[in-house]
Structures are given as C-alpha cells and as structure tokens.
Amino acid sequence: MPGFYTIKKDTFRNKYAVRNVLPFKNVYYLKADGSYTQVFDENNEKITISYRLGIVQEKMNCLYFFRCHDSYSVNLLHVKNIVKPTDGYSEYYVELTNGVRIKCSRKLVDELDDRLTAIRSQISVNKAGQVA
C-alpha cells in the first residue's frame, strides 16, 4: 500500500537507524550524486543518503519506484506524464505532479509507460495525476 513503507535520513547507518522518517508516498524522485543519493520531496527539498542510488533502491524494495535514467529513479505515484521529443533527437523527460522534469533514457520509455499503466490500473489517480 502506498505510504506504508518509509525512507529515512541516514537510513543505512547503524543498521537501519530511524531518523527523520519520510513516507515513500512523499518521495517524488531519487537522484544519484556519486556515492550519495539525494531524495526529493513534493517541495523539492532534499535529504542526502550516503549510499549509491542502486543500493538505496534495492533496500527500499518498493514497486512504485522506477529507474528511468542512470542518475534518476522516479516515484510512479507522482508521474504526471512522459514528455516525448517532437524532433526525434531530443531527450525524453518524465514530468512529475510538482512540475519537476526528470531525464528518461530512450530505451526505458516503453517499460516506464507499461509500468505506469499497470500502477494506474491498480490505484485511483485523479486528473491532476495525484494519488486519490
């Protein structure tokens, strides 16, 4: 169920220490920053975790996150739409409900679209793209 799982600031220090709990449903996207991962919420405020994005995503074990780019993972509950290039050469983007645009790899666009369709068929999403 959305929001049941949480991500914590300094989550992986001292074997899952509990500090500054942020429910998954409030996490909009994750961004790789070298050996760190930045966690962004609705207001684009960030929490930095001292683990790589792949490890953070693996430890979260949440079906609502999708790795759309080498540097980004998005919360599918907050994806408004996929912005496709009109010229065929530009980059693809994932537009979130808070207006932020995240790069999306060309080879992952179809998989992202399939995952969005599956998630949206399982939960109620209003016209603004937000979880009801």
C-alpha atoms as a PDB file:
ATOM      1  CA  MET A   1       0.000   0.000   0.000  1.00  0.00           C
ATOM      2  CA  PRO A   2       1.393   3.459  -0.884  1.00  0.00           C
ATOM      3  CA  GLY A   3       2.882   5.282   2.086  1.00  0.00           C
ATOM      4  CA  PHE A   4       3.264   2.150   4.207  1.00  0.00           C
ATOM      5  CA  TYR A   5       6.999   1.968   3.590  1.00  0.00           C
ATOM      6  CA  THR A   6       9.311   4.778   4.628  1.00  0.00           C
ATOM      7  CA  ILE A   7      12.714   6.081   3.700  1.00  0.00           C
ATOM      8  CA  LYS A   8      14.783   7.559   6.466  1.00  0.00           C
ATOM      9  CA  LYS A   9      17.546  10.120   6.532  1.00  0.00           C
ATOM     10  CA  ASP A  10      20.704   8.187   7.371  1.00  0.00           C
ATOM     11  CA  THR A  11      18.652   5.034   6.766  1.00  0.00           C
ATOM     12  CA  PHE A  12      21.611   2.758   6.249  1.00  0.00           C
ATOM     13  CA  ARG A  13      23.825   3.977   9.081  1.00  0.00           C
ATOM     14  CA  ASN A  14      23.913   1.712  12.148  1.00  0.00           C
ATOM     15  CA  LYS A  15      21.735  -0.976  10.594  1.00  0.00           C
ATOM     16  CA  TYR A  16      18.607   0.975   9.697  1.00  0.00           C
ATOM     17  CA  ALA A  17      18.697   3.726  12.306  1.00  0.00           C
ATOM     18  CA  VAL A  18      15.378   5.556  12.455  1.00  0.00           C
ATOM     19  CA  ARG A  19      15.737   9.298  11.884  1.00  0.00           C
ATOM     20  CA  ASN A  20      13.625  11.864  10.038  1.00  0.00           C
ATOM     21  CA  VAL A  21      11.068   9.448   8.612  1.00  0.00           C
ATOM     22  CA  LEU A  22       9.715  10.361   5.165  1.00  0.00           C
ATOM     23  CA  PRO A  23       6.910   8.114   3.808  1.00  0.00           C
ATOM     24  CA  PHE A  24       7.564   6.719   0.318  1.00  0.00           C
ATOM     25  CA  LYS A  25       4.404   8.365  -0.962  1.00  0.00           C
ATOM     26  CA  ASN A  26       6.030  11.745  -0.161  1.00  0.00           C
ATOM     27  CA  VAL A  27       9.234  10.934  -2.063  1.00  0.00           C
ATOM     28  CA  TYR A  28       8.967  12.233  -5.627  1.00  0.00           C
ATOM     29  CA  TYR A  29      12.318  11.132  -7.018  1.00  0.00           C
ATOM     30  CA  LEU A  30      15.821   9.967  -6.192  1.00  0.00           C
ATOM     31  CA  LYS A  31      18.953  11.394  -7.790  1.00  0.00           C
ATOM     32  CA  ALA A  32      22.400   9.794  -7.901  1.00  0.00           C
ATOM     33  CA  ASP A  33      25.232  12.052  -6.793  1.00  0.00           C
ATOM     34  CA  GLY A  34      28.399   9.976  -6.921  1.00  0.00           C
ATOM     35  CA  SER A  35      28.447   7.738  -3.849  1.00  0.00           C
ATOM     36  CA  TYR A  36      25.414   9.566  -2.443  1.00  0.00           C
ATOM     37  CA  THR A  37      21.718   9.609  -3.233  1.00  0.00           C
ATOM     38  CA  GLN A  38      19.565  12.691  -2.964  1.00  0.00           C
ATOM     39  CA  VAL A  39      15.926  12.109  -2.008  1.00  0.00           C
ATOM     40  CA  PHE A  40      13.486  14.827  -3.127  1.00  0.00           C
ATOM     41  CA  ASP A  41      10.003  15.517  -1.787  1.00  0.00           C
ATOM     42  CA  GLU A  42       6.991  17.487  -3.070  1.00  0.00           C
ATOM     43  CA  ASN A  43       8.641  20.854  -2.316  1.00  0.00           C
ATOM     44  CA  ASN A  44      11.882  19.739  -3.983  1.00  0.00           C
ATOM     45  CA  GLU A  45      13.599  19.670  -0.585  1.00  0.00           C
ATOM     46  CA  LYS A  46      16.306  17.050  -0.396  1.00  0.00           C
ATOM     47  CA  ILE A  47      17.678  14.520   2.036  1.00  0.00           C
ATOM     48  CA  THR A  48      21.106  13.085   1.242  1.00  0.00           C
ATOM     49  CA  ILE A  49      21.857   9.431   1.939  1.00  0.00           C
ATOM     50  CA  SER A  50      25.437   8.178   1.860  1.00  0.00           C
ATOM     51  CA  TYR A  51      24.750   5.212  -0.414  1.00  0.00           C
ATOM     52  CA  ARG A  52      24.581   4.821  -4.189  1.00  0.00           C
ATOM     53  CA  LEU A  53      21.203   5.033  -5.916  1.00  0.00           C
ATOM     54  CA  GLY A  54      21.130   1.337  -6.825  1.00  0.00           C
ATOM     55  CA  ILE A  55      21.690   0.281  -3.221  1.00  0.00           C
ATOM     56  CA  VAL A  56      19.078   2.716  -1.898  1.00  0.00           C
ATOM     57  CA  GLN A  57      16.512   1.490  -4.410  1.00  0.00           C
ATOM     58  CA  GLU A  58      17.314  -2.153  -3.630  1.00  0.00           C
ATOM     59  CA  LYS A  59      16.984  -1.602   0.131  1.00  0.00           C
ATOM     60  CA  MET A  60      13.697   0.289  -0.318  1.00  0.00           C
ATOM     61  CA  ASN A  61      12.263  -2.648  -2.262  1.00  0.00           C
ATOM     62  CA  CYS A  62       9.272  -0.566  -3.344  1.00  0.00           C
ATOM     63  CA  LEU A  63       7.401  -1.330  -6.576  1.00  0.00           C
ATOM     64  CA  TYR A  64       6.416   2.311  -7.022  1.00  0.00           C
ATOM     65  CA  PHE A  65       9.925   3.467  -7.936  1.00  0.00           C
ATOM     66  CA  PHE A  66      11.297   3.144 -11.463  1.00  0.00           C
ATOM     67  CA  ARG A  67      14.906   3.724 -12.535  1.00  0.00           C
ATOM     68  CA  CYS A  68      14.284   5.854 -15.637  1.00  0.00           C
ATOM     69  CA  HIS A  69      17.881   7.004 -16.117  1.00  0.00           C
ATOM     70  CA  ASP A  70      21.349   6.156 -14.805  1.00  0.00           C
ATOM     71  CA  SER A  71      21.043   9.087 -12.402  1.00  0.00           C
ATOM     72  CA  TYR A  72      17.322   9.090 -11.561  1.00  0.00           C
ATOM     73  CA  SER A  73      14.585   6.946 -10.085  1.00  0.00           C
ATOM     74  CA  VAL A  74      11.025   8.320 -10.021  1.00  0.00           C
ATOM     75  CA  ASN A  75       8.037   7.534  -7.835  1.00  0.00           C
ATOM     76  CA  LEU A  76       5.391   6.285 -10.275  1.00  0.00           C
ATOM     77  CA  LEU A  77       2.658   7.620  -7.984  1.00  0.00           C
ATOM     78  CA  HIS A  78       3.795  11.157  -8.853  1.00  0.00           C
ATOM     79  CA  VAL A  79       4.378  10.865 -12.602  1.00  0.00           C
ATOM     80  CA  LYS A  80       2.081  13.220 -14.490  1.00  0.00           C
ATOM     81  CA  ASN A  81       3.203  12.242 -17.993  1.00  0.00           C
ATOM     82  CA  ILE A  82       6.095  11.316 -20.261  1.00  0.00           C
ATOM     83  CA  VAL A  83       7.328  14.184 -22.425  1.00  0.00           C
ATOM     84  CA  LYS A  84       8.458  12.827 -25.780  1.00  0.00           C
ATOM     85  CA  PRO A  85      10.676  14.851 -28.132  1.00  0.00           C
ATOM     86  CA  THR A  86       8.941  16.328 -31.156  1.00  0.00           C
ATOM     87  CA  ASP A  87      12.061  16.248 -33.325  1.00  0.00           C
ATOM     88  CA  GLY A  88      13.000  12.642 -32.509  1.00  0.00           C
ATOM     89  CA  TYR A  89      16.501  13.630 -31.354  1.00  0.00           C
ATOM     90  CA  SER A  90      15.951  15.456 -28.098  1.00  0.00           C
ATOM     91  CA  GLU A  91      15.764  13.804 -24.694  1.00  0.00           C
ATOM     92  CA  TYR A  92      12.717  12.212 -23.126  1.00  0.00           C
ATOM     93  CA  TYR A  93      11.526  13.542 -19.786  1.00  0.00           C
ATOM     94  CA  VAL A  94       9.240  12.372 -17.013  1.00  0.00           C
ATOM     95  CA  GLU A  95       7.077  15.223 -15.749  1.00  0.00           C
ATOM     96  CA  LEU A  96       6.115  14.919 -12.097  1.00  0.00           C
ATOM     97  CA  THR A  97       2.963  16.288 -10.462  1.00  0.00           C
ATOM     98  CA  ASN A  98       5.017  19.023  -8.748  1.00  0.00           C
ATOM     99  CA  GLY A  99       6.238  20.287 -12.147  1.00  0.00           C
ATOM    100  CA  VAL A 100       9.781  18.886 -11.979  1.00  0.00           C
ATOM    101  CA  ARG A 101      11.091  17.237 -15.156  1.00  0.00           C
ATOM    102  CA  ILE A 102      13.427  14.250 -14.897  1.00  0.00           C
ATOM    103  CA  LYS A 103      15.519  12.840 -17.748  1.00  0.00           C
ATOM    104  CA  CYS A 104      14.421   9.464 -19.063  1.00  0.00           C
ATOM    105  CA  SER A 105      16.503   7.048 -21.087  1.00  0.00           C
ATOM    106  CA  ARG A 106      15.150   6.337 -24.595  1.00  0.00           C
ATOM    107  CA  LYS A 107      15.494   2.587 -24.095  1.00  0.00           C
ATOM    108  CA  LEU A 108      13.386   2.709 -20.905  1.00  0.00           C
ATOM    109  CA  VAL A 109      10.464   4.836 -22.134  1.00  0.00           C
ATOM    110  CA  ASP A 110       8.310   1.885 -23.231  1.00  0.00           C
ATOM    111  CA  GLU A 111       8.956  -0.012 -19.999  1.00  0.00           C
ATOM    112  CA  LEU A 112       8.118   3.124 -17.989  1.00  0.00           C
ATOM    113  CA  ASP A 113       4.887   3.566 -19.923  1.00  0.00           C
ATOM    114  CA  ASP A 114       3.925  -0.076 -19.252  1.00  0.00           C
ATOM    115  CA  ARG A 115       4.687   0.250 -15.535  1.00  0.00           C
ATOM    116  CA  LEU A 116       2.663   3.481 -15.308  1.00  0.00           C
ATOM    117  CA  THR A 117      -0.308   1.819 -16.991  1.00  0.00           C
ATOM    118  CA  ALA A 118      -0.113  -1.146 -14.602  1.00  0.00           C
ATOM    119  CA  ILE A 119       0.207   1.031 -11.488  1.00  0.00           C
ATOM    120  CA  ARG A 120      -2.596   3.362 -12.540  1.00  0.00           C
ATOM    121  CA  SER A 121      -4.917   0.453 -13.198  1.00  0.00           C
ATOM    122  CA  GLN A 122      -4.338  -0.768  -9.635  1.00  0.00           C
ATOM    123  CA  ILE A 123      -4.814   2.549  -7.835  1.00  0.00           C
ATOM    124  CA  SER A 124      -7.073   5.540  -8.185  1.00  0.00           C
ATOM    125  CA  VAL A 125      -5.363   8.508  -9.833  1.00  0.00           C
ATOM    126  CA  ASN A 126      -7.184  11.820 -10.276  1.00  0.00           C
ATOM    127  CA  LYS A 127      -6.995  14.066 -13.355  1.00  0.00           C
ATOM    128  CA  ALA A 128      -4.085  16.087 -11.930  1.00  0.00           C
ATOM    129  CA  GLY A 129      -2.068  12.873 -11.783  1.00  0.00           C
ATOM    130  CA  GLN A 130      -2.109  12.716  -7.988  1.00  0.00           C
ATOM    131  CA  VAL A 131      -2.992   9.659  -5.959  1.00  0.00           C
ATOM    132  CA  ALA A 132      -6.529   9.864  -4.617  1.00  0.00           C
END
